[in-house]
PDB file of N, CA and C in Angstrom:
ATOM      1  N   MET A   1      -9.902   1.454   7.886  1.00  0.00           N
ATOM      2  CA  MET A   1     -10.014   2.861   7.553  1.00  0.00           C
ATOM      3  C   MET A   1      -9.927   3.011   6.044  1.00  0.00           C
ATOM      4  N   THR A   2     -10.815   3.782   5.493  1.00  0.00           N
ATOM      5  CA  THR A   2     -10.802   4.038   4.051  1.00  0.00           C
ATOM      6  C   THR A   2     -10.022   5.315   3.756  1.00  0.00           C
ATOM      7  N   LYS A   3      -9.780   5.541   2.486  1.00  0.00           N
ATOM      8  CA  LYS A   3      -9.045   6.736   2.077  1.00  0.00           C
ATOM      9  C   LYS A   3      -9.804   7.999   2.487  1.00  0.00           C
ATOM     10  N   SER A   4     -11.108   8.001   2.306  1.00  0.00           N
ATOM     11  CA  SER A   4     -11.900   9.183   2.679  1.00  0.00           C
ATOM     12  C   SER A   4     -11.888   9.413   4.190  1.00  0.00           C
ATOM     13  N   GLU A   5     -11.873   8.326   4.984  1.00  0.00           N
ATOM     14  CA  GLU A   5     -11.776   8.469   6.435  1.00  0.00           C
ATOM     15  C   GLU A   5     -10.410   9.023   6.834  1.00  0.00           C
ATOM     16  N   LEU A   6      -9.365   8.608   6.131  1.00  0.00           N
ATOM     17  CA  LEU A   6      -8.025   9.135   6.390  1.00  0.00           C
ATOM     18  C   LEU A   6      -7.972  10.632   6.097  1.00  0.00           C
ATOM     19  N   ILE A   7      -8.557  11.042   4.983  1.00  0.00           N
ATOM     20  CA  ILE A   7      -8.595  12.462   4.614  1.00  0.00           C
ATOM     21  C   ILE A   7      -9.362  13.259   5.669  1.00  0.00           C
ATOM     22  N   GLU A   8     -10.487  12.727   6.096  1.00  0.00           N
ATOM     23  CA  GLU A   8     -11.308  13.384   7.120  1.00  0.00           C
ATOM     24  C   GLU A   8     -10.536  13.549   8.425  1.00  0.00           C
ATOM     25  N   GLN A   9      -9.862  12.496   8.861  1.00  0.00           N
ATOM     26  CA  GLN A   9      -9.102  12.553  10.113  1.00  0.00           C
ATOM     27  C   GLN A   9      -7.951  13.546  10.012  1.00  0.00           C
ATOM     28  N   LEU A  10      -7.275  13.578   8.866  1.00  0.00           N
ATOM     29  CA  LEU A  10      -6.180  14.524   8.662  1.00  0.00           C
ATOM     30  C   LEU A  10      -6.690  15.960   8.748  1.00  0.00           C
ATOM     31  N   ALA A  11      -7.844  16.219   8.153  1.00  0.00           N
ATOM     32  CA  ALA A  11      -8.422  17.567   8.180  1.00  0.00           C
ATOM     33  C   ALA A  11      -8.860  17.952   9.599  1.00  0.00           C
ATOM     34  N   VAL A  12      -9.387  16.988  10.354  1.00  0.00           N
ATOM     35  CA  VAL A  12      -9.846  17.270  11.724  1.00  0.00           C
ATOM     36  C   VAL A  12      -8.665  17.538  12.654  1.00  0.00           C
ATOM     37  N   GLU A  13      -7.605  16.723  12.538  1.00  0.00           N
ATOM     38  CA  GLU A  13      -6.462  16.865  13.437  1.00  0.00           C
ATOM     39  C   GLU A  13      -5.564  18.044  13.087  1.00  0.00           C
ATOM     40  N   ASN A  14      -5.664  18.553  11.871  1.00  0.00           N
ATOM     41  CA  ASN A  14      -4.856  19.692  11.441  1.00  0.00           C
ATOM     42  C   ASN A  14      -5.795  20.788  10.960  1.00  0.00           C
ATOM     43  N   VAL A  15      -6.215  21.647  11.888  1.00  0.00           N
ATOM     44  CA  VAL A  15      -7.208  22.680  11.572  1.00  0.00           C
ATOM     45  C   VAL A  15      -6.719  23.661  10.508  1.00  0.00           C
ATOM     46  N   ALA A  16      -5.415  23.732  10.298  1.00  0.00           N
ATOM     47  CA  ALA A  16      -4.878  24.624   9.277  1.00  0.00           C
ATOM     48  C   ALA A  16      -5.134  24.089   7.868  1.00  0.00           C
ATOM     49  N   LEU A  17      -5.488  22.799   7.764  1.00  0.00           N
ATOM     50  CA  LEU A  17      -5.759  22.182   6.464  1.00  0.00           C
ATOM     51  C   LEU A  17      -7.257  22.068   6.223  1.00  0.00           C
ATOM     52  N   SER A  18      -7.668  22.493   5.043  1.00  0.00           N
ATOM     53  CA  SER A  18      -9.059  22.251   4.664  1.00  0.00           C
ATOM     54  C   SER A  18      -9.173  20.802   4.209  1.00  0.00           C
ATOM     55  N   LYS A  19     -10.395  20.345   4.039  1.00  0.00           N
ATOM     56  CA  LYS A  19     -10.600  18.967   3.606  1.00  0.00           C
ATOM     57  C   LYS A  19     -10.011  18.760   2.204  1.00  0.00           C
ATOM     58  N   LYS A  20     -10.115  19.767   1.359  1.00  0.00           N
ATOM     59  CA  LYS A  20      -9.574  19.697  -0.005  1.00  0.00           C
ATOM     60  C   LYS A  20      -8.047  19.606   0.033  1.00  0.00           C
ATOM     61  N   GLU A  21      -7.414  20.377   0.917  1.00  0.00           N
ATOM     62  CA  GLU A  21      -5.955  20.335   1.050  1.00  0.00           C
ATOM     63  C   GLU A  21      -5.497  18.990   1.619  1.00  0.00           C
ATOM     64  N   ALA A  22      -6.264  18.464   2.576  1.00  0.00           N
ATOM     65  CA  ALA A  22      -5.940  17.157   3.157  1.00  0.00           C
ATOM     66  C   ALA A  22      -6.024  16.078   2.083  1.00  0.00           C
ATOM     67  N   GLU A  23      -7.020  16.166   1.202  1.00  0.00           N
ATOM     68  CA  GLU A  23      -7.160  15.213   0.104  1.00  0.00           C
ATOM     69  C   GLU A  23      -5.962  15.308  -0.838  1.00  0.00           C
ATOM     70  N   LEU A  24      -5.507  16.523  -1.107  1.00  0.00           N
ATOM     71  CA  LEU A  24      -4.345  16.727  -1.965  1.00  0.00           C
ATOM     72  C   LEU A  24      -3.093  16.107  -1.344  1.00  0.00           C
ATOM     73  N   VAL A  25      -2.921  16.256  -0.039  1.00  0.00           N
ATOM     74  CA  VAL A  25      -1.771  15.678   0.667  1.00  0.00           C
ATOM     75  C   VAL A  25      -1.787  14.153   0.553  1.00  0.00           C
ATOM     76  N   VAL A  26      -2.929  13.540   0.862  1.00  0.00           N
ATOM     77  CA  VAL A  26      -3.051  12.081   0.817  1.00  0.00           C
ATOM     78  C   VAL A  26      -2.821  11.569  -0.604  1.00  0.00           C
ATOM     79  N   ASN A  27      -3.436  12.218  -1.593  1.00  0.00           N
ATOM     80  CA  ASN A  27      -3.259  11.792  -2.986  1.00  0.00           C
ATOM     81  C   ASN A  27      -1.813  11.934  -3.442  1.00  0.00           C
ATOM     82  N   THR A  28      -1.144  12.989  -3.015  1.00  0.00           N
ATOM     83  CA  THR A  28       0.258  13.200  -3.377  1.00  0.00           C
ATOM     84  C   THR A  28       1.135  12.094  -2.807  1.00  0.00           C
ATOM     85  N   ILE A  29       0.893  11.722  -1.565  1.00  0.00           N
ATOM     86  CA  ILE A  29       1.672  10.644  -0.940  1.00  0.00           C
ATOM     87  C   ILE A  29       1.443   9.330  -1.673  1.00  0.00           C
ATOM     88  N   PHE A  30       0.183   8.983  -1.915  1.00  0.00           N
ATOM     89  CA  PHE A  30      -0.130   7.723  -2.608  1.00  0.00           C
ATOM     90  C   PHE A  30       0.433   7.706  -4.023  1.00  0.00           C
ATOM     91  N   ASP A  31       0.317   8.834  -4.727  1.00  0.00           N
ATOM     92  CA  ASP A  31       0.855   8.913  -6.094  1.00  0.00           C
ATOM     93  C   ASP A  31       2.371   8.779  -6.099  1.00  0.00           C
ATOM     94  N   SER A  32       3.031   9.374  -5.122  1.00  0.00           N
ATOM     95  CA  SER A  32       4.497   9.294  -5.035  1.00  0.00           C
ATOM     96  C   SER A  32       4.942   7.857  -4.779  1.00  0.00           C
ATOM     97  N   ILE A  33       4.253   7.164  -3.892  1.00  0.00           N
ATOM     98  CA  ILE A  33       4.580   5.763  -3.621  1.00  0.00           C
ATOM     99  C   ILE A  33       4.359   4.929  -4.879  1.00  0.00           C
ATOM    100  N   SER A  34       3.235   5.146  -5.547  1.00  0.00           N
ATOM    101  CA  SER A  34       2.930   4.400  -6.779  1.00  0.00           C
ATOM    102  C   SER A  34       3.980   4.626  -7.851  1.00  0.00           C
ATOM    103  N   GLN A  35       4.355   5.873  -8.064  1.00  0.00           N
ATOM    104  CA  GLN A  35       5.342   6.190  -9.095  1.00  0.00           C
ATOM    105  C   GLN A  35       6.708   5.580  -8.784  1.00  0.00           C
ATOM    106  N   ALA A  36       7.078   5.584  -7.523  1.00  0.00           N
ATOM    107  CA  ALA A  36       8.356   4.982  -7.134  1.00  0.00           C
ATOM    108  C   ALA A  36       8.336   3.480  -7.408  1.00  0.00           C
ATOM    109  N   LEU A  37       7.242   2.819  -7.073  1.00  0.00           N
ATOM    110  CA  LEU A  37       7.139   1.376  -7.307  1.00  0.00           C
ATOM    111  C   LEU A  37       7.117   1.063  -8.800  1.00  0.00           C
ATOM    112  N   ILE A  38       6.428   1.870  -9.582  1.00  0.00           N
ATOM    113  CA  ILE A  38       6.398   1.690 -11.038  1.00  0.00           C
ATOM    114  C   ILE A  38       7.807   1.813 -11.605  1.00  0.00           C
ATOM    115  N   GLY A  39       8.583   2.727 -11.037  1.00  0.00           N
ATOM    116  CA  GLY A  39       9.959   2.932 -11.479  1.00  0.00           C
ATOM    117  C   GLY A  39      10.933   1.881 -10.959  1.00  0.00           C
ATOM    118  N   GLY A  40      10.438   0.934 -10.172  1.00  0.00           N
ATOM    119  CA  GLY A  40      11.295  -0.135  -9.660  1.00  0.00           C
ATOM    120  C   GLY A  40      11.995   0.193  -8.361  1.00  0.00           C
ATOM    121  N   ASP A  41      11.658   1.331  -7.771  1.00  0.00           N
ATOM    122  CA  ASP A  41      12.282   1.732  -6.513  1.00  0.00           C
ATOM    123  C   ASP A  41      11.592   1.080  -5.328  1.00  0.00           C
ATOM    124  N   ARG A  42      12.278   1.090  -4.212  1.00  0.00           N
ATOM    125  CA  ARG A  42      11.745   0.605  -2.940  1.00  0.00           C
ATOM    126  C   ARG A  42      11.358   1.840  -2.129  1.00  0.00           C
ATOM    127  N   VAL A  43      10.218   1.790  -1.447  1.00  0.00           N
ATOM    128  CA  VAL A  43       9.768   2.911  -0.627  1.00  0.00           C
ATOM    129  C   VAL A  43       9.798   2.465   0.830  1.00  0.00           C
ATOM    130  N   GLU A  44      10.558   3.186   1.651  1.00  0.00           N
ATOM    131  CA  GLU A  44      10.662   2.841   3.065  1.00  0.00           C
ATOM    132  C   GLU A  44      10.225   4.025   3.910  1.00  0.00           C
ATOM    133  N   ILE A  45       9.279   3.768   4.799  1.00  0.00           N
ATOM    134  CA  ILE A  45       8.820   4.784   5.745  1.00  0.00           C
ATOM    135  C   ILE A  45       9.202   4.269   7.129  1.00  0.00           C
ATOM    136  N   ARG A  46      10.230   4.866   7.716  1.00  0.00           N
ATOM    137  CA  ARG A  46      10.777   4.399   8.993  1.00  0.00           C
ATOM    138  C   ARG A  46       9.696   4.290  10.055  1.00  0.00           C
ATOM    139  N   GLY A  47       9.690   3.176  10.757  1.00  0.00           N
ATOM    140  CA  GLY A  47       8.724   2.944  11.814  1.00  0.00           C
ATOM    141  C   GLY A  47       7.378   2.448  11.315  1.00  0.00           C
ATOM    142  N   PHE A  48       7.134   2.541  10.015  1.00  0.00           N
ATOM    143  CA  PHE A  48       5.851   2.116   9.454  1.00  0.00           C
ATOM    144  C   PHE A  48       6.008   0.847   8.633  1.00  0.00           C
ATOM    145  N   GLY A  49       6.878   0.902   7.623  1.00  0.00           N
ATOM    146  CA  GLY A  49       7.099  -0.274   6.794  1.00  0.00           C
ATOM    147  C   GLY A  49       7.719   0.090   5.459  1.00  0.00           C
ATOM    148  N   SER A  50       7.839  -0.921   4.600  1.00  0.00           N
ATOM    149  CA  SER A  50       8.437  -0.682   3.292  1.00  0.00           C
ATOM    150  C   SER A  50       7.603  -1.357   2.201  1.00  0.00           C
ATOM    151  N   PHE A  51       7.570  -0.704   1.066  1.00  0.00           N
ATOM    152  CA  PHE A  51       6.873  -1.208  -0.111  1.00  0.00           C
ATOM    153  C   PHE A  51       7.917  -1.621  -1.138  1.00  0.00           C
ATOM    154  N   THR A  52       7.745  -2.795  -1.702  1.00  0.00           N
ATOM    155  CA  THR A  52       8.627  -3.270  -2.768  1.00  0.00           C
ATOM    156  C   THR A  52       7.770  -3.943  -3.831  1.00  0.00           C
ATOM    157  N   ILE A  53       8.415  -4.288  -4.931  1.00  0.00           N
ATOM    158  CA  ILE A  53       7.747  -5.023  -6.003  1.00  0.00           C
ATOM    159  C   ILE A  53       8.322  -6.433  -6.019  1.00  0.00           C
ATOM    160  N   ARG A  54       7.436  -7.411  -6.060  1.00  0.00           N
ATOM    161  CA  ARG A  54       7.861  -8.798  -6.194  1.00  0.00           C
ATOM    162  C   ARG A  54       7.434  -9.298  -7.563  1.00  0.00           C
ATOM    163  N   GLU A  55       8.355 -10.003  -8.208  1.00  0.00           N
ATOM    164  CA  GLU A  55       8.045 -10.548  -9.521  1.00  0.00           C
ATOM    165  C   GLU A  55       7.598 -11.989  -9.379  1.00  0.00           C
ATOM    166  N   ARG A  56       6.462 -12.301  -9.979  1.00  0.00           N
ATOM    167  CA  ARG A  56       5.937 -13.657  -9.936  1.00  0.00           C
ATOM    168  C   ARG A  56       6.186 -14.321 -11.280  1.00  0.00           C
ATOM    169  N   ASP A  57       6.630 -15.562 -11.240  1.00  0.00           N
ATOM    170  CA  ASP A  57       6.932 -16.306 -12.462  1.00  0.00           C
ATOM    171  C   ASP A  57       5.650 -16.694 -13.187  1.00  0.00           C
ATOM    172  N   ALA A  58       5.817 -16.982 -14.486  1.00  0.00           N
ATOM    173  CA  ALA A  58       4.709 -17.518 -15.265  1.00  0.00           C
ATOM    174  C   ALA A  58       4.402 -18.918 -14.730  1.00  0.00           C
ATOM    175  N   ARG A  59       3.142 -19.306 -14.824  1.00  0.00           N
ATOM    176  CA  ARG A  59       2.771 -20.629 -14.338  1.00  0.00           C
ATOM    177  C   ARG A  59       1.533 -21.108 -15.062  1.00  0.00           C
ATOM    178  N   GLU A  60       1.212 -22.349 -14.826  1.00  0.00           N
ATOM    179  CA  GLU A  60       0.000 -22.917 -15.381  1.00  0.00           C
ATOM    180  C   GLU A  60      -0.971 -23.191 -14.248  1.00  0.00           C
ATOM    181  N   ALA A  61      -2.244 -22.943 -14.511  1.00  0.00           N
ATOM    182  CA  ALA A  61      -3.278 -23.192 -13.518  1.00  0.00           C
ATOM    183  C   ALA A  61      -4.459 -23.854 -14.225  1.00  0.00           C
ATOM    184  N   ARG A  62      -5.423 -24.237 -13.461  1.00  0.00           N
ATOM    185  CA  ARG A  62      -6.612 -24.854 -14.042  1.00  0.00           C
ATOM    186  C   ARG A  62      -7.820 -23.945 -13.836  1.00  0.00           C
ATOM    187  N   ASN A  63      -8.635 -23.860 -14.877  1.00  0.00           N
ATOM    188  CA  ASN A  63      -9.902 -23.166 -14.779  1.00  0.00           C
ATOM    189  C   ASN A  63     -10.804 -24.049 -13.913  1.00  0.00           C
ATOM    190  N   PRO A  64     -11.276 -23.541 -12.777  1.00  0.00           N
ATOM    191  CA  PRO A  64     -12.050 -24.398 -11.882  1.00  0.00           C
ATOM    192  C   PRO A  64     -13.380 -24.867 -12.484  1.00  0.00           C
ATOM    193  N   LYS A  65     -13.923 -24.099 -13.406  1.00  0.00           N
ATOM    194  CA  LYS A  65     -15.215 -24.461 -13.993  1.00  0.00           C
ATOM    195  C   LYS A  65     -15.073 -25.566 -15.034  1.00  0.00           C
ATOM    196  N   SER A  66     -14.089 -25.384 -15.948  1.00  0.00           N
ATOM    197  CA  SER A  66     -13.958 -26.337 -17.054  1.00  0.00           C
ATOM    198  C   SER A  66     -12.836 -27.354 -16.843  1.00  0.00           C
ATOM    199  N   GLY A  67     -11.880 -27.035 -15.975  1.00  0.00           N
ATOM    200  CA  GLY A  67     -10.747 -27.932 -15.756  1.00  0.00           C
ATOM    201  C   GLY A  67      -9.636 -27.759 -16.773  1.00  0.00           C
ATOM    202  N   ASP A  68      -9.802 -26.835 -17.724  1.00  0.00           N
ATOM    203  CA  ASP A  68      -8.786 -26.591 -18.753  1.00  0.00           C
ATOM    204  C   ASP A  68      -7.551 -25.927 -18.152  1.00  0.00           C
ATOM    205  N   LEU A  69      -6.388 -26.215 -18.747  1.00  0.00           N
ATOM    206  CA  LEU A  69      -5.149 -25.553 -18.334  1.00  0.00           C
ATOM    207  C   LEU A  69      -5.143 -24.124 -18.849  1.00  0.00           C
ATOM    208  N   VAL A  70      -4.724 -23.223 -18.003  1.00  0.00           N
ATOM    209  CA  VAL A  70      -4.638 -21.807 -18.361  1.00  0.00           C
ATOM    210  C   VAL A  70      -3.227 -21.354 -18.059  1.00  0.00           C
ATOM    211  N   LYS A  71      -2.600 -20.651 -19.021  1.00  0.00           N
ATOM    212  CA  LYS A  71      -1.255 -20.117 -18.804  1.00  0.00           C
ATOM    213  C   LYS A  71      -1.385 -18.718 -18.192  1.00  0.00           C
ATOM    214  N   ILE A  72      -0.721 -18.536 -17.079  1.00  0.00           N
ATOM    215  CA  ILE A  72      -0.723 -17.243 -16.408  1.00  0.00           C
ATOM    216  C   ILE A  72       0.640 -16.604 -16.657  1.00  0.00           C
ATOM    217  N   PRO A  73       0.653 -15.417 -17.256  1.00  0.00           N
ATOM    218  CA  PRO A  73       1.927 -14.767 -17.580  1.00  0.00           C
ATOM    219  C   PRO A  73       2.639 -14.263 -16.323  1.00  0.00           C
ATOM    220  N   PRO A  74       3.936 -13.985 -16.426  1.00  0.00           N
ATOM    221  CA  PRO A  74       4.646 -13.406 -15.273  1.00  0.00           C
ATOM    222  C   PRO A  74       4.069 -12.029 -14.963  1.00  0.00           C
ATOM    223  N   LYS A  75       4.128 -11.655 -13.699  1.00  0.00           N
ATOM    224  CA  LYS A  75       3.615 -10.335 -13.329  1.00  0.00           C
ATOM    225  C   LYS A  75       4.341  -9.803 -12.112  1.00  0.00           C
ATOM    226  N   LYS A  76       4.187  -8.509 -11.906  1.00  0.00           N
ATOM    227  CA  LYS A  76       4.778  -7.834 -10.756  1.00  0.00           C
ATOM    228  C   LYS A  76       3.647  -7.493  -9.790  1.00  0.00           C
ATOM    229  N   THR A  77       3.890  -7.721  -8.504  1.00  0.00           N
ATOM    230  CA  THR A  77       2.891  -7.385  -7.493  1.00  0.00           C
ATOM    231  C   THR A  77       3.533  -6.559  -6.387  1.00  0.00           C
ATOM    232  N   PRO A  78       2.817  -5.552  -5.892  1.00  0.00           N
ATOM    233  CA  PRO A  78       3.338  -4.774  -4.775  1.00  0.00           C
ATOM    234  C   PRO A  78       3.321  -5.612  -3.499  1.00  0.00           C
ATOM    235  N   PHE A  79       4.322  -5.394  -2.650  1.00  0.00           N
ATOM    236  CA  PHE A  79       4.435  -6.126  -1.394  1.00  0.00           C
ATOM    237  C   PHE A  79       4.755  -5.128  -0.295  1.00  0.00           C
ATOM    238  N   PHE A  80       4.070  -5.269   0.851  1.00  0.00           N
ATOM    239  CA  PHE A  80       4.300  -4.385   1.989  1.00  0.00           C
ATOM    240  C   PHE A  80       4.816  -5.206   3.158  1.00  0.00           C
ATOM    241  N   LYS A  81       5.905  -4.749   3.741  1.00  0.00           N
ATOM    242  CA  LYS A  81       6.455  -5.389   4.934  1.00  0.00           C
ATOM    243  C   LYS A  81       6.396  -4.376   6.069  1.00  0.00           C
ATOM    244  N   THR A  82       5.753  -4.748   7.168  1.00  0.00           N
ATOM    245  CA  THR A  82       5.606  -3.817   8.282  1.00  0.00           C
ATOM    246  C   THR A  82       6.943  -3.548   8.952  1.00  0.00           C
ATOM    247  N   GLY A  83       7.071  -2.344   9.468  1.00  0.00           N
ATOM    248  CA  GLY A  83       8.258  -1.978  10.228  1.00  0.00           C
ATOM    249  C   GLY A  83       8.136  -2.473  11.659  1.00  0.00           C
ATOM    250  N   LYS A  84       9.252  -2.529  12.338  1.00  0.00           N
ATOM    251  CA  LYS A  84       9.302  -3.051  13.704  1.00  0.00           C
ATOM    252  C   LYS A  84       8.395  -2.245  14.641  1.00  0.00           C
ATOM    253  N   GLU A  85       8.454  -0.923  14.544  1.00  0.00           N
ATOM    254  CA  GLU A  85       7.671  -0.065  15.438  1.00  0.00           C
ATOM    255  C   GLU A  85       6.167  -0.278  15.230  1.00  0.00           C
ATOM    256  N   LEU A  86       5.716  -0.360  13.996  1.00  0.00           N
ATOM    257  CA  LEU A  86       4.296  -0.594  13.717  1.00  0.00           C
ATOM    258  C   LEU A  86       3.868  -1.965  14.224  1.00  0.00           C
ATOM    259  N   ARG A  87       4.697  -2.959  13.974  1.00  0.00           N
ATOM    260  CA  ARG A  87       4.395  -4.321  14.425  1.00  0.00           C
ATOM    261  C   ARG A  87       4.239  -4.361  15.949  1.00  0.00           C
ATOM    262  N   GLU A  88       5.138  -3.665  16.662  1.00  0.00           N
ATOM    263  CA  GLU A  88       5.069  -3.618  18.122  1.00  0.00           C
ATOM    264  C   GLU A  88       3.825  -2.885  18.603  1.00  0.00           C
ATOM    265  N   ARG A  89       3.473  -1.787  17.929  1.00  0.00           N
ATOM    266  CA  ARG A  89       2.268  -1.034  18.310  1.00  0.00           C
ATOM    267  C   ARG A  89       1.022  -1.896  18.141  1.00  0.00           C
ATOM    268  N   VAL A  90       0.940  -2.615  17.030  1.00  0.00           N
ATOM    269  CA  VAL A  90      -0.215  -3.474  16.784  1.00  0.00           C
ATOM    270  C   VAL A  90      -0.301  -4.590  17.816  1.00  0.00           C
ATOM    271  N   ASN A  91       0.830  -5.201  18.116  1.00  0.00           N
ATOM    272  CA  ASN A  91       0.847  -6.314  19.068  1.00  0.00           C
ATOM    273  C   ASN A  91       0.575  -5.863  20.510  1.00  0.00           C
ATOM    274  N   ASN A  92       1.003  -4.658  20.859  1.00  0.00           N
ATOM    275  CA  ASN A  92       0.798  -4.158  22.216  1.00  0.00           C
ATOM    276  C   ASN A  92      -0.504  -3.387  22.363  1.00  0.00           C
ATOM    277  N   GLY A  93      -1.143  -3.094  21.239  1.00  0.00           N
ATOM    278  CA  GLY A  93      -2.425  -2.384  21.288  1.00  0.00           C
ATOM    279  C   GLY A  93      -2.310  -0.916  21.609  1.00  0.00           C
ATOM    280  N   SER A  94      -1.117  -0.348  21.519  1.00  0.00           N
ATOM    281  CA  SER A  94      -0.948   1.075  21.805  1.00  0.00           C
ATOM    282  C   SER A  94      -0.956   1.872  20.510  1.00  0.00           C
ATOM    283  N   CYS A  95      -1.321   3.118  20.636  1.00  0.00           N
ATOM    284  CA  CYS A  95      -1.377   3.983  19.454  1.00  0.00           C
ATOM    285  C   CYS A  95      -0.693   5.307  19.749  1.00  0.00           C
ATOM    286  N   CYS A  96      -0.118   5.859  18.740  1.00  0.00           N
ATOM    287  CA  CYS A  96       0.458   7.203  18.688  1.00  0.00           C
ATOM    288  C   CYS A  96       1.330   7.459  19.870  1.00  0.00           C
TER     289      CYS A  96
END
């Protein structure tokens, strides 16, 4: 499912919301999660999962084309861990 499909489904299932309002809701949620992660916070949505930041160490790698050593700086990457309820729904094939 893409972001636009999510917005469309939200607008269809909630007739009180226009498509523009549904887009605002989805963007607000995504922006809030992003800002929390940027600030170093953990985001937990019960039954769905949690978002955290993992720090990766600096390392050396090889350029596959030339074989030269390349230094890769340390970086932070977002990580998502599914919640128990979502994991069970996916494994059992049930929805909502």
